[in-house]
Amino acid sequence: TEMMQQETAPVPALSEKTKQPKECFLIKPKETKEDATKR
C-alpha cells in the first residue's frame, strides 16, 4: 500500500511563482511602426 501510494502520489502543481514566464525580458520586443520610422 505504501509503495502504491508513492507511485500514484500526484505531482504537486507548480506555483505561479515557479511557472516559466511567457515573456522574458531578454526577448526582443516586437518593433512598432513608430520605432521603424525613428530607425
PDB file of all heavy atoms in Angstrom:
ATOM      1  N   THR A   1       0.834  -1.221   0.000  1.00  0.00           N
ATOM      2  CA  THR A   1       0.000   0.000   0.000  1.00  0.00           C
ATOM      3  C   THR A   1       0.853   1.248   0.000  1.00  0.00           C
ATOM      4  O   THR A   1       0.588   2.226  -0.709  1.00  0.00           O
ATOM      5  CB  THR A   1      -0.894   0.003   1.258  1.00  0.00           C
ATOM      6  OG1 THR A   1      -1.656  -1.193   1.275  1.00  0.00           O
ATOM      7  CG2 THR A   1      -1.822   1.213   1.267  1.00  0.00           C
ATOM      8  N   GLU A   2       1.929   1.199   0.790  1.00  0.00           N
ATOM      9  CA  GLU A   2       2.822   2.375   0.849  1.00  0.00           C
ATOM     10  C   GLU A   2       3.475   2.637  -0.485  1.00  0.00           C
ATOM     11  O   GLU A   2       3.587   3.770  -0.926  1.00  0.00           O
ATOM     12  CB  GLU A   2       3.883   2.131   1.932  1.00  0.00           C
ATOM     13  CG  GLU A   2       4.750   3.350   2.204  1.00  0.00           C
ATOM     14  CD  GLU A   2       5.757   3.078   3.297  1.00  0.00           C
ATOM     15  OE1 GLU A   2       5.630   2.052   4.008  1.00  0.00           O
ATOM     16  OE2 GLU A   2       6.676   3.923   3.435  1.00  0.00           O
ATOM     17  N   MET A   3       3.894   1.551  -1.170  1.00  0.00           N
ATOM     18  CA  MET A   3       4.541   1.693  -2.486  1.00  0.00           C
ATOM     19  C   MET A   3       3.570   2.259  -3.496  1.00  0.00           C
ATOM     20  O   MET A   3       3.896   3.106  -4.313  1.00  0.00           O
ATOM     21  CB  MET A   3       5.068   0.344  -2.957  1.00  0.00           C
ATOM     22  CG  MET A   3       6.295  -0.137  -2.174  1.00  0.00           C
ATOM     23  SD  MET A   3       6.839  -1.740  -2.711  1.00  0.00           S
ATOM     24  CE  MET A   3       7.321  -1.353  -4.378  1.00  0.00           C
ATOM     25  N   MET A   4       2.324   1.740  -3.466  1.00  0.00           N
ATOM     26  CA  MET A   4       1.321   2.222  -4.404  1.00  0.00           C
ATOM     27  C   MET A   4       1.044   3.697  -4.178  1.00  0.00           C
ATOM     28  O   MET A   4       0.878   4.469  -5.113  1.00  0.00           O
ATOM     29  CB  MET A   4       0.024   1.413  -4.235  1.00  0.00           C
ATOM     30  CG  MET A   4       0.126  -0.024  -4.782  1.00  0.00           C
ATOM     31  SD  MET A   4      -1.370  -0.950  -4.487  1.00  0.00           S
ATOM     32  CE  MET A   4      -2.513  -0.036  -5.492  1.00  0.00           C
ATOM     33  N   GLN A   5       1.017   4.050  -2.879  1.00  0.00           N
ATOM     34  CA  GLN A   5       0.776   5.451  -2.585  1.00  0.00           C
ATOM     35  C   GLN A   5       1.893   6.341  -3.128  1.00  0.00           C
ATOM     36  O   GLN A   5       1.667   7.431  -3.652  1.00  0.00           O
ATOM     37  CB  GLN A   5       0.657   5.658  -1.066  1.00  0.00           C
ATOM     38  CG  GLN A   5      -0.647   5.135  -0.501  1.00  0.00           C
ATOM     39  CD  GLN A   5      -0.673   5.251   1.009  1.00  0.00           C
ATOM     40  OE1 GLN A   5       0.360   5.507   1.634  1.00  0.00           O
ATOM     41  NE2 GLN A   5      -1.860   5.052   1.583  1.00  0.00           N
ATOM     42  N   GLN A   6       3.163   5.852  -3.051  1.00  0.00           N
ATOM     43  CA  GLN A   6       4.303   6.622  -3.575  1.00  0.00           C
ATOM     44  C   GLN A   6       4.231   6.746  -5.085  1.00  0.00           C
ATOM     45  O   GLN A   6       4.526   7.767  -5.669  1.00  0.00           O
ATOM     46  CB  GLN A   6       5.624   5.960  -3.147  1.00  0.00           C
ATOM     47  CG  GLN A   6       5.910   6.119  -1.672  1.00  0.00           C
ATOM     48  CD  GLN A   6       7.196   5.404  -1.282  1.00  0.00           C
ATOM     49  OE1 GLN A   6       7.789   4.723  -2.118  1.00  0.00           O
ATOM     50  NE2 GLN A   6       7.577   5.539  -0.024  1.00  0.00           N
ATOM     51  N   GLU A   7       3.805   5.575  -5.708  1.00  0.00           N
ATOM     52  CA  GLU A   7       3.763   5.574  -7.173  1.00  0.00           C
ATOM     53  C   GLU A   7       2.650   6.468  -7.694  1.00  0.00           C
ATOM     54  O   GLU A   7       2.764   7.121  -8.719  1.00  0.00           O
ATOM     55  CB  GLU A   7       3.559   4.138  -7.667  1.00  0.00           C
ATOM     56  CG  GLU A   7       4.799   3.278  -7.492  1.00  0.00           C
ATOM     57  CD  GLU A   7       4.542   1.833  -7.892  1.00  0.00           C
ATOM     58  OE1 GLU A   7       3.409   1.534  -8.302  1.00  0.00           O
ATOM     59  OE2 GLU A   7       5.481   1.030  -7.783  1.00  0.00           O
ATOM     60  N   THR A   8       1.526   6.416  -6.997  1.00  0.00           N
ATOM     61  CA  THR A   8       0.360   7.147  -7.506  1.00  0.00           C
ATOM     62  C   THR A   8       0.219   8.534  -6.908  1.00  0.00           C
ATOM     63  O   THR A   8      -0.729   9.241  -7.178  1.00  0.00           O
ATOM     64  CB  THR A   8      -0.926   6.345  -7.215  1.00  0.00           C
ATOM     65  OG1 THR A   8      -1.022   6.154  -5.801  1.00  0.00           O
ATOM     66  CG2 THR A   8      -0.881   5.003  -7.916  1.00  0.00           C
ATOM     67  N   ALA A   9       1.147   8.898  -6.034  1.00  0.00           N
ATOM     68  CA  ALA A   9       1.052  10.229  -5.424  1.00  0.00           C
ATOM     69  C   ALA A   9       1.099  11.321  -6.481  1.00  0.00           C
ATOM     70  O   ALA A   9       1.989  11.305  -7.332  1.00  0.00           O
ATOM     71  CB  ALA A   9       2.189  10.420  -4.416  1.00  0.00           C
ATOM     72  N   PRO A  10       0.180  12.207  -6.474  1.00  0.00           N
ATOM     73  CA  PRO A  10       0.156  13.264  -7.514  1.00  0.00           C
ATOM     74  C   PRO A  10       1.339  14.224  -7.377  1.00  0.00           C
ATOM     75  O   PRO A  10       1.767  14.526  -6.276  1.00  0.00           O
ATOM     76  CB  PRO A  10      -1.156  13.993  -7.231  1.00  0.00           C
ATOM     77  CG  PRO A  10      -1.432  13.746  -5.775  1.00  0.00           C
ATOM     78  CD  PRO A  10      -0.903  12.382  -5.486  1.00  0.00           C
ATOM     79  N   VAL A  11       1.840  14.637  -8.546  1.00  0.00           N
ATOM     80  CA  VAL A  11       2.955  15.596  -8.567  1.00  0.00           C
ATOM     81  C   VAL A  11       2.396  16.961  -8.189  1.00  0.00           C
ATOM     82  O   VAL A  11       1.384  17.399  -8.769  1.00  0.00           O
ATOM     83  CB  VAL A  11       3.595  15.665  -9.966  1.00  0.00           C
ATOM     84  CG1 VAL A  11       4.706  16.704  -9.989  1.00  0.00           C
ATOM     85  CG2 VAL A  11       4.101  14.300 -10.364  1.00  0.00           C
ATOM     86  N   PRO A  12       2.989  17.580  -7.218  1.00  0.00           N
ATOM     87  CA  PRO A  12       2.441  18.870  -6.791  1.00  0.00           C
ATOM     88  C   PRO A  12       2.484  19.902  -7.910  1.00  0.00           C
ATOM     89  O   PRO A  12       3.464  19.972  -8.657  1.00  0.00           O
ATOM     90  CB  PRO A  12       3.353  19.274  -5.623  1.00  0.00           C
ATOM     91  CG  PRO A  12       4.599  18.516  -5.819  1.00  0.00           C
ATOM     92  CD  PRO A  12       4.180  17.222  -6.457  1.00  0.00           C
ATOM     93  N   ALA A  13       1.412  20.646  -8.072  1.00  0.00           N
ATOM     94  CA  ALA A  13       1.332  21.653  -9.147  1.00  0.00           C
ATOM     95  C   ALA A  13       2.336  22.771  -8.877  1.00  0.00           C
ATOM     96  O   ALA A  13       2.566  23.148  -7.732  1.00  0.00           O
ATOM     97  CB  ALA A  13      -0.091  22.219  -9.187  1.00  0.00           C
ATOM     98  N   LEU A  14       2.918  23.302  -9.978  1.00  0.00           N
ATOM     99  CA  LEU A  14       3.870  24.402  -9.842  1.00  0.00           C
ATOM    100  C   LEU A  14       3.126  25.663  -9.427  1.00  0.00           C
ATOM    101  O   LEU A  14       2.025  25.954  -9.923  1.00  0.00           O
ATOM    102  CB  LEU A  14       4.573  24.675 -11.183  1.00  0.00           C
ATOM    103  CG  LEU A  14       5.519  23.575 -11.666  1.00  0.00           C
ATOM    104  CD1 LEU A  14       5.972  23.876 -13.081  1.00  0.00           C
ATOM    105  CD2 LEU A  14       6.716  23.468 -10.741  1.00  0.00           C
ATOM    106  N   SER A  15       3.712  26.367  -8.515  1.00  0.00           N
ATOM    107  CA  SER A  15       3.091  27.612  -8.073  1.00  0.00           C
ATOM    108  C   SER A  15       3.236  28.662  -9.168  1.00  0.00           C
ATOM    109  O   SER A  15       4.017  28.514 -10.107  1.00  0.00           O
ATOM    110  CB  SER A  15       3.767  28.098  -6.793  1.00  0.00           C
ATOM    111  OG  SER A  15       5.100  28.467  -7.083  1.00  0.00           O
ATOM    112  N   GLU A  16       2.471  29.713  -9.032  1.00  0.00           N
ATOM    113  CA  GLU A  16       2.540  30.788 -10.010  1.00  0.00           C
ATOM    114  C   GLU A  16       3.936  31.368 -10.099  1.00  0.00           C
ATOM    115  O   GLU A  16       4.410  31.761 -11.151  1.00  0.00           O
ATOM    116  CB  GLU A  16       1.554  31.907  -9.621  1.00  0.00           C
ATOM    117  CG  GLU A  16       0.087  31.538  -9.772  1.00  0.00           C
ATOM    118  CD  GLU A  16      -0.279  31.262 -11.229  1.00  0.00           C
ATOM    119  OE1 GLU A  16       0.283  31.930 -12.109  1.00  0.00           O
ATOM    120  OE2 GLU A  16      -1.105  30.380 -11.475  1.00  0.00           O
ATOM    121  N   LYS A  17       4.636  31.374  -8.943  1.00  0.00           N
ATOM    122  CA  LYS A  17       5.979  31.952  -8.922  1.00  0.00           C
ATOM    123  C   LYS A  17       6.984  31.096  -9.664  1.00  0.00           C
ATOM    124  O   LYS A  17       7.937  31.584 -10.224  1.00  0.00           O
ATOM    125  CB  LYS A  17       6.452  32.130  -7.474  1.00  0.00           C
ATOM    126  CG  LYS A  17       5.674  33.197  -6.730  1.00  0.00           C
ATOM    127  CD  LYS A  17       6.221  33.388  -5.329  1.00  0.00           C
ATOM    128  CE  LYS A  17       5.463  34.469  -4.584  1.00  0.00           C
ATOM    129  NZ  LYS A  17       5.963  34.647  -3.207  1.00  0.00           N
ATOM    130  N   THR A  18       6.773  29.747  -9.649  1.00  0.00           N
ATOM    131  CA  THR A  18       7.757  28.867 -10.288  1.00  0.00           C
ATOM    132  C   THR A  18       7.429  28.575 -11.740  1.00  0.00           C
ATOM    133  O   THR A  18       8.167  27.902 -12.416  1.00  0.00           O
ATOM    134  CB  THR A  18       7.850  27.549  -9.513  1.00  0.00           C
ATOM    135  OG1 THR A  18       6.545  26.956  -9.467  1.00  0.00           O
ATOM    136  CG2 THR A  18       8.355  27.775  -8.101  1.00  0.00           C
ATOM    137  N   LYS A  19       6.276  29.033 -12.226  1.00  0.00           N
ATOM    138  CA  LYS A  19       5.943  28.796 -13.634  1.00  0.00           C
ATOM    139  C   LYS A  19       6.921  29.540 -14.545  1.00  0.00           C
ATOM    140  O   LYS A  19       7.361  30.626 -14.228  1.00  0.00           O
ATOM    141  CB  LYS A  19       4.528  29.294 -13.921  1.00  0.00           C
ATOM    142  CG  LYS A  19       3.450  28.309 -13.471  1.00  0.00           C
ATOM    143  CD  LYS A  19       2.076  28.824 -13.888  1.00  0.00           C
ATOM    144  CE  LYS A  19       1.002  27.854 -13.468  1.00  0.00           C
ATOM    145  NZ  LYS A  19      -0.340  28.339 -13.847  1.00  0.00           N
ATOM    146  N   GLN A  20       7.211  28.926 -15.741  1.00  0.00           N
ATOM    147  CA  GLN A  20       8.092  29.570 -16.727  1.00  0.00           C
ATOM    148  C   GLN A  20       7.392  30.812 -17.268  1.00  0.00           C
ATOM    149  O   GLN A  20       6.242  30.714 -17.720  1.00  0.00           O
ATOM    150  CB  GLN A  20       8.374  28.585 -17.888  1.00  0.00           C
ATOM    151  CG  GLN A  20       9.357  29.100 -18.923  1.00  0.00           C
ATOM    152  CD  GLN A  20      10.755  29.179 -18.372  1.00  0.00           C
ATOM    153  OE1 GLN A  20      11.077  28.506 -17.400  1.00  0.00           O
ATOM    154  NE2 GLN A  20      11.584  29.992 -18.968  1.00  0.00           N
ATOM    155  N   PRO A  21       8.016  31.932 -17.191  1.00  0.00           N
ATOM    156  CA  PRO A  21       7.331  33.137 -17.694  1.00  0.00           C
ATOM    157  C   PRO A  21       7.074  33.046 -19.191  1.00  0.00           C
ATOM    158  O   PRO A  21       7.873  32.516 -19.941  1.00  0.00           O
ATOM    159  CB  PRO A  21       8.331  34.258 -17.365  1.00  0.00           C
ATOM    160  CG  PRO A  21       9.643  33.578 -17.264  1.00  0.00           C
ATOM    161  CD  PRO A  21       9.355  32.214 -16.704  1.00  0.00           C
ATOM    162  N   LYS A  22       5.949  33.573 -19.572  1.00  0.00           N
ATOM    163  CA  LYS A  22       5.607  33.553 -21.003  1.00  0.00           C
ATOM    164  C   LYS A  22       6.506  34.480 -21.805  1.00  0.00           C
ATOM    165  O   LYS A  22       6.825  34.220 -22.943  1.00  0.00           O
ATOM    166  CB  LYS A  22       4.153  33.974 -21.180  1.00  0.00           C
ATOM    167  CG  LYS A  22       3.166  32.946 -20.642  1.00  0.00           C
ATOM    168  CD  LYS A  22       1.740  33.403 -20.862  1.00  0.00           C
ATOM    169  CE  LYS A  22       0.758  32.370 -20.322  1.00  0.00           C
ATOM    170  NZ  LYS A  22      -0.635  32.804 -20.511  1.00  0.00           N
ATOM    171  N   GLU A  23       6.898  35.626 -21.224  1.00  0.00           N
ATOM    172  CA  GLU A  23       7.779  36.566 -21.903  1.00  0.00           C
ATOM    173  C   GLU A  23       8.966  36.875 -21.010  1.00  0.00           C
ATOM    174  O   GLU A  23       8.789  37.247 -19.848  1.00  0.00           O
ATOM    175  CB  GLU A  23       7.047  37.870 -22.218  1.00  0.00           C
ATOM    176  CG  GLU A  23       6.068  37.726 -23.372  1.00  0.00           C
ATOM    177  CD  GLU A  23       5.508  39.078 -23.772  1.00  0.00           C
ATOM    178  OE1 GLU A  23       5.945  40.091 -23.188  1.00  0.00           O
ATOM    179  OE2 GLU A  23       4.652  39.105 -24.647  1.00  0.00           O
ATOM    180  N   CYS A  24      10.131  36.711 -21.564  1.00  0.00           N
ATOM    181  CA  CYS A  24      11.353  37.014 -20.809  1.00  0.00           C
ATOM    182  C   CYS A  24      11.811  38.410 -21.185  1.00  0.00           C
ATOM    183  O   CYS A  24      11.684  38.825 -22.332  1.00  0.00           O
ATOM    184  CB  CYS A  24      12.424  35.979 -21.142  1.00  0.00           C
ATOM    185  SG  CYS A  24      14.016  36.340 -20.384  1.00  0.00           S
ATOM    186  N   PHE A  25      12.362  39.128 -20.253  1.00  0.00           N
ATOM    187  CA  PHE A  25      12.803  40.487 -20.550  1.00  0.00           C
ATOM    188  C   PHE A  25      13.948  40.513 -21.552  1.00  0.00           C
ATOM    189  O   PHE A  25      14.274  41.540 -22.115  1.00  0.00           O
ATOM    190  CB  PHE A  25      13.205  41.221 -19.267  1.00  0.00           C
ATOM    191  CG  PHE A  25      14.424  40.651 -18.589  1.00  0.00           C
ATOM    192  CD1 PHE A  25      15.688  41.120 -18.906  1.00  0.00           C
ATOM    193  CD2 PHE A  25      14.297  39.638 -17.650  1.00  0.00           C
ATOM    194  CE1 PHE A  25      16.810  40.594 -18.283  1.00  0.00           C
ATOM    195  CE2 PHE A  25      15.410  39.116 -17.042  1.00  0.00           C
ATOM    196  CZ  PHE A  25      16.678  39.584 -17.359  1.00  0.00           C
ATOM    197  N   LEU A  26      14.577  39.358 -21.819  1.00  0.00           N
ATOM    198  CA  LEU A  26      15.655  39.288 -22.804  1.00  0.00           C
ATOM    199  C   LEU A  26      15.124  39.173 -24.231  1.00  0.00           C
ATOM    200  O   LEU A  26      15.842  39.387 -25.182  1.00  0.00           O
ATOM    201  CB  LEU A  26      16.563  38.081 -22.507  1.00  0.00           C
ATOM    202  CG  LEU A  26      17.373  38.158 -21.210  1.00  0.00           C
ATOM    203  CD1 LEU A  26      18.123  36.858 -20.983  1.00  0.00           C
ATOM    204  CD2 LEU A  26      18.335  39.323 -21.256  1.00  0.00           C
ATOM    205  N   ILE A  27      13.857  38.802 -24.350  1.00  0.00           N
ATOM    206  CA  ILE A  27      13.271  38.642 -25.674  1.00  0.00           C
ATOM    207  C   ILE A  27      13.093  40.017 -26.311  1.00  0.00           C
ATOM    208  O   ILE A  27      12.596  40.943 -25.678  1.00  0.00           O
ATOM    209  CB  ILE A  27      11.912  37.917 -25.587  1.00  0.00           C
ATOM    210  CG1 ILE A  27      12.119  36.500 -25.051  1.00  0.00           C
ATOM    211  CG2 ILE A  27      11.227  37.870 -26.945  1.00  0.00           C
ATOM    212  CD1 ILE A  27      10.832  35.763 -24.783  1.00  0.00           C
ATOM    213  N   LYS A  28      13.515  40.160 -27.572  1.00  0.00           N
ATOM    214  CA  LYS A  28      13.431  41.436 -28.265  1.00  0.00           C
ATOM    215  C   LYS A  28      11.971  41.788 -28.519  1.00  0.00           C
ATOM    216  O   LYS A  28      11.245  41.001 -29.118  1.00  0.00           O
ATOM    217  CB  LYS A  28      14.180  41.363 -29.594  1.00  0.00           C
ATOM    218  CG  LYS A  28      14.241  42.692 -30.314  1.00  0.00           C
ATOM    219  CD  LYS A  28      15.046  42.562 -31.595  1.00  0.00           C
ATOM    220  CE  LYS A  28      15.090  43.889 -32.323  1.00  0.00           C
ATOM    221  NZ  LYS A  28      15.850  43.774 -33.573  1.00  0.00           N
ATOM    222  N   PRO A  29      11.523  42.919 -28.044  1.00  0.00           N
ATOM    223  CA  PRO A  29      10.120  43.287 -28.256  1.00  0.00           C
ATOM    224  C   PRO A  29       9.838  43.531 -29.732  1.00  0.00           C
ATOM    225  O   PRO A  29      10.721  43.919 -30.491  1.00  0.00           O
ATOM    226  CB  PRO A  29       9.976  44.585 -27.452  1.00  0.00           C
ATOM    227  CG  PRO A  29      11.349  45.140 -27.384  1.00  0.00           C
ATOM    228  CD  PRO A  29      12.279  43.963 -27.339  1.00  0.00           C
ATOM    229  N   LYS A  30       8.604  43.297 -30.104  1.00  0.00           N
ATOM    230  CA  LYS A  30       8.201  43.477 -31.487  1.00  0.00           C
ATOM    231  C   LYS A  30       8.291  44.954 -31.863  1.00  0.00           C
ATOM    232  O   LYS A  30       7.845  45.832 -31.131  1.00  0.00           O
ATOM    233  CB  LYS A  30       6.764  42.984 -31.669  1.00  0.00           C
ATOM    234  CG  LYS A  30       6.328  42.945 -33.119  1.00  0.00           C
ATOM    235  CD  LYS A  30       4.932  42.343 -33.227  1.00  0.00           C
ATOM    236  CE  LYS A  30       4.498  42.305 -34.693  1.00  0.00           C
ATOM    237  NZ  LYS A  30       3.139  41.730 -34.830  1.00  0.00           N
ATOM    238  N   GLU A  31       8.889  45.225 -33.035  1.00  0.00           N
ATOM    239  CA  GLU A  31       9.109  46.605 -33.453  1.00  0.00           C
ATOM    240  C   GLU A  31       7.802  47.224 -33.930  1.00  0.00           C
ATOM    241  O   GLU A  31       7.069  46.639 -34.718  1.00  0.00           O
ATOM    242  CB  GLU A  31      10.135  46.653 -34.580  1.00  0.00           C
ATOM    243  CG  GLU A  31      10.509  48.056 -35.000  1.00  0.00           C
ATOM    244  CD  GLU A  31      11.568  48.043 -36.087  1.00  0.00           C
ATOM    245  OE1 GLU A  31      11.271  47.536 -37.178  1.00  0.00           O
ATOM    246  OE2 GLU A  31      12.676  48.517 -35.821  1.00  0.00           O
ATOM    247  N   THR A  32       7.526  48.401 -33.442  1.00  0.00           N
ATOM    248  CA  THR A  32       6.327  49.120 -33.863  1.00  0.00           C
ATOM    249  C   THR A  32       6.657  50.004 -35.063  1.00  0.00           C
ATOM    250  O   THR A  32       7.820  50.214 -35.401  1.00  0.00           O
ATOM    251  CB  THR A  32       5.801  50.010 -32.721  1.00  0.00           C
ATOM    252  OG1 THR A  32       6.809  51.004 -32.425  1.00  0.00           O
ATOM    253  CG2 THR A  32       5.516  49.183 -31.476  1.00  0.00           C
ATOM    254  N   LYS A  33       5.608  50.536 -35.688  1.00  0.00           N
ATOM    255  CA  LYS A  33       5.805  51.430 -36.829  1.00  0.00           C
ATOM    256  C   LYS A  33       6.572  52.671 -36.416  1.00  0.00           C
ATOM    257  O   LYS A  33       7.399  53.182 -37.154  1.00  0.00           O
ATOM    258  CB  LYS A  33       4.452  51.833 -37.414  1.00  0.00           C
ATOM    259  CG  LYS A  33       3.751  50.714 -38.170  1.00  0.00           C
ATOM    260  CD  LYS A  33       2.462  51.219 -38.785  1.00  0.00           C
ATOM    261  CE  LYS A  33       1.768  50.100 -39.564  1.00  0.00           C
ATOM    262  NZ  LYS A  33       0.488  50.577 -40.167  1.00  0.00           N
ATOM    263  N   GLU A  34       6.294  53.142 -35.217  1.00  0.00           N
ATOM    264  CA  GLU A  34       6.982  54.340 -34.708  1.00  0.00           C
ATOM    265  C   GLU A  34       8.473  54.082 -34.546  1.00  0.00           C
ATOM    266  O   GLU A  34       9.304  54.917 -34.908  1.00  0.00           O
ATOM    267  CB  GLU A  34       6.377  54.733 -33.368  1.00  0.00           C
ATOM    268  CG  GLU A  34       6.916  56.062 -32.820  1.00  0.00           C
ATOM    269  CD  GLU A  34       6.289  56.445 -31.498  1.00  0.00           C
ATOM    270  OE1 GLU A  34       5.314  55.779 -31.096  1.00  0.00           O
ATOM    271  OE2 GLU A  34       6.786  57.400 -30.887  1.00  0.00           O
ATOM    272  N   ASP A  35       8.805  52.885 -34.036  1.00  0.00           N
ATOM    273  CA  ASP A  35      10.216  52.525 -33.871  1.00  0.00           C
ATOM    274  C   ASP A  35      10.908  52.447 -35.230  1.00  0.00           C
ATOM    275  O   ASP A  35      12.049  52.879 -35.388  1.00  0.00           O
ATOM    276  CB  ASP A  35      10.346  51.180 -33.144  1.00  0.00           C
ATOM    277  CG  ASP A  35       9.878  51.261 -31.700  1.00  0.00           C
ATOM    278  OD1 ASP A  35       9.930  52.379 -31.152  1.00  0.00           O
ATOM    279  OD2 ASP A  35       9.470  50.227 -31.144  1.00  0.00           O
ATOM    280  N   ALA A  36      10.226  51.853 -36.213  1.00  0.00           N
ATOM    281  CA  ALA A  36      10.802  51.707 -37.557  1.00  0.00           C
ATOM    282  C   ALA A  36      11.056  53.064 -38.190  1.00  0.00           C
ATOM    283  O   ALA A  36      12.081  53.282 -38.836  1.00  0.00           O
ATOM    284  CB  ALA A  36       9.860  50.881 -38.436  1.00  0.00           C
ATOM    285  N   THR A  37      10.120  53.994 -37.981  1.00  0.00           N
ATOM    286  CA  THR A  37      10.281  55.349 -38.527  1.00  0.00           C
ATOM    287  C   THR A  37      11.479  56.046 -37.902  1.00  0.00           C
ATOM    288  O   THR A  37      12.278  56.674 -38.587  1.00  0.00           O
ATOM    289  CB  THR A  37       9.013  56.182 -38.249  1.00  0.00           C
ATOM    290  OG1 THR A  37       7.893  55.507 -38.813  1.00  0.00           O
ATOM    291  CG2 THR A  37       9.126  57.567 -38.880  1.00  0.00           C
ATOM    292  N   LYS A  38      11.618  55.911 -36.573  1.00  0.00           N
ATOM    293  CA  LYS A  38      12.763  56.522 -35.883  1.00  0.00           C
ATOM    294  C   LYS A  38      14.073  55.937 -36.383  1.00  0.00           C
ATOM    295  O   LYS A  38      15.063  56.641 -36.544  1.00  0.00           O
ATOM    296  CB  LYS A  38      12.633  56.310 -34.378  1.00  0.00           C
ATOM    297  CG  LYS A  38      11.556  57.162 -33.723  1.00  0.00           C
ATOM    298  CD  LYS A  38      11.506  56.903 -32.234  1.00  0.00           C
ATOM    299  CE  LYS A  38      10.432  57.764 -31.559  1.00  0.00           C
ATOM    300  NZ  LYS A  38      10.338  57.477 -30.113  1.00  0.00           N
ATOM    301  N   ARG A  39      14.064  54.620 -36.626  1.00  0.00           N
ATOM    302  CA  ARG A  39      15.291  53.972 -37.085  1.00  0.00           C
ATOM    303  C   ARG A  39      15.676  54.467 -38.480  1.00  0.00           C
ATOM    304  O   ARG A  39      16.836  54.705 -38.766  1.00  0.00           O
ATOM    305  CB  ARG A  39      15.075  52.449 -37.098  1.00  0.00           C
ATOM    306  CG  ARG A  39      16.317  51.642 -37.451  1.00  0.00           C
ATOM    307  CD  ARG A  39      16.175  50.203 -36.986  1.00  0.00           C
ATOM    308  NE  ARG A  39      14.916  49.624 -37.405  1.00  0.00           N
ATOM    309  CZ  ARG A  39      14.700  49.130 -38.642  1.00  0.00           C
ATOM    310  NH1 ARG A  39      15.657  49.194 -39.547  1.00  0.00           N
ATOM    311  NH2 ARG A  39      13.537  48.591 -38.948  1.00  0.00           N
TER     312      ARG A  39
END
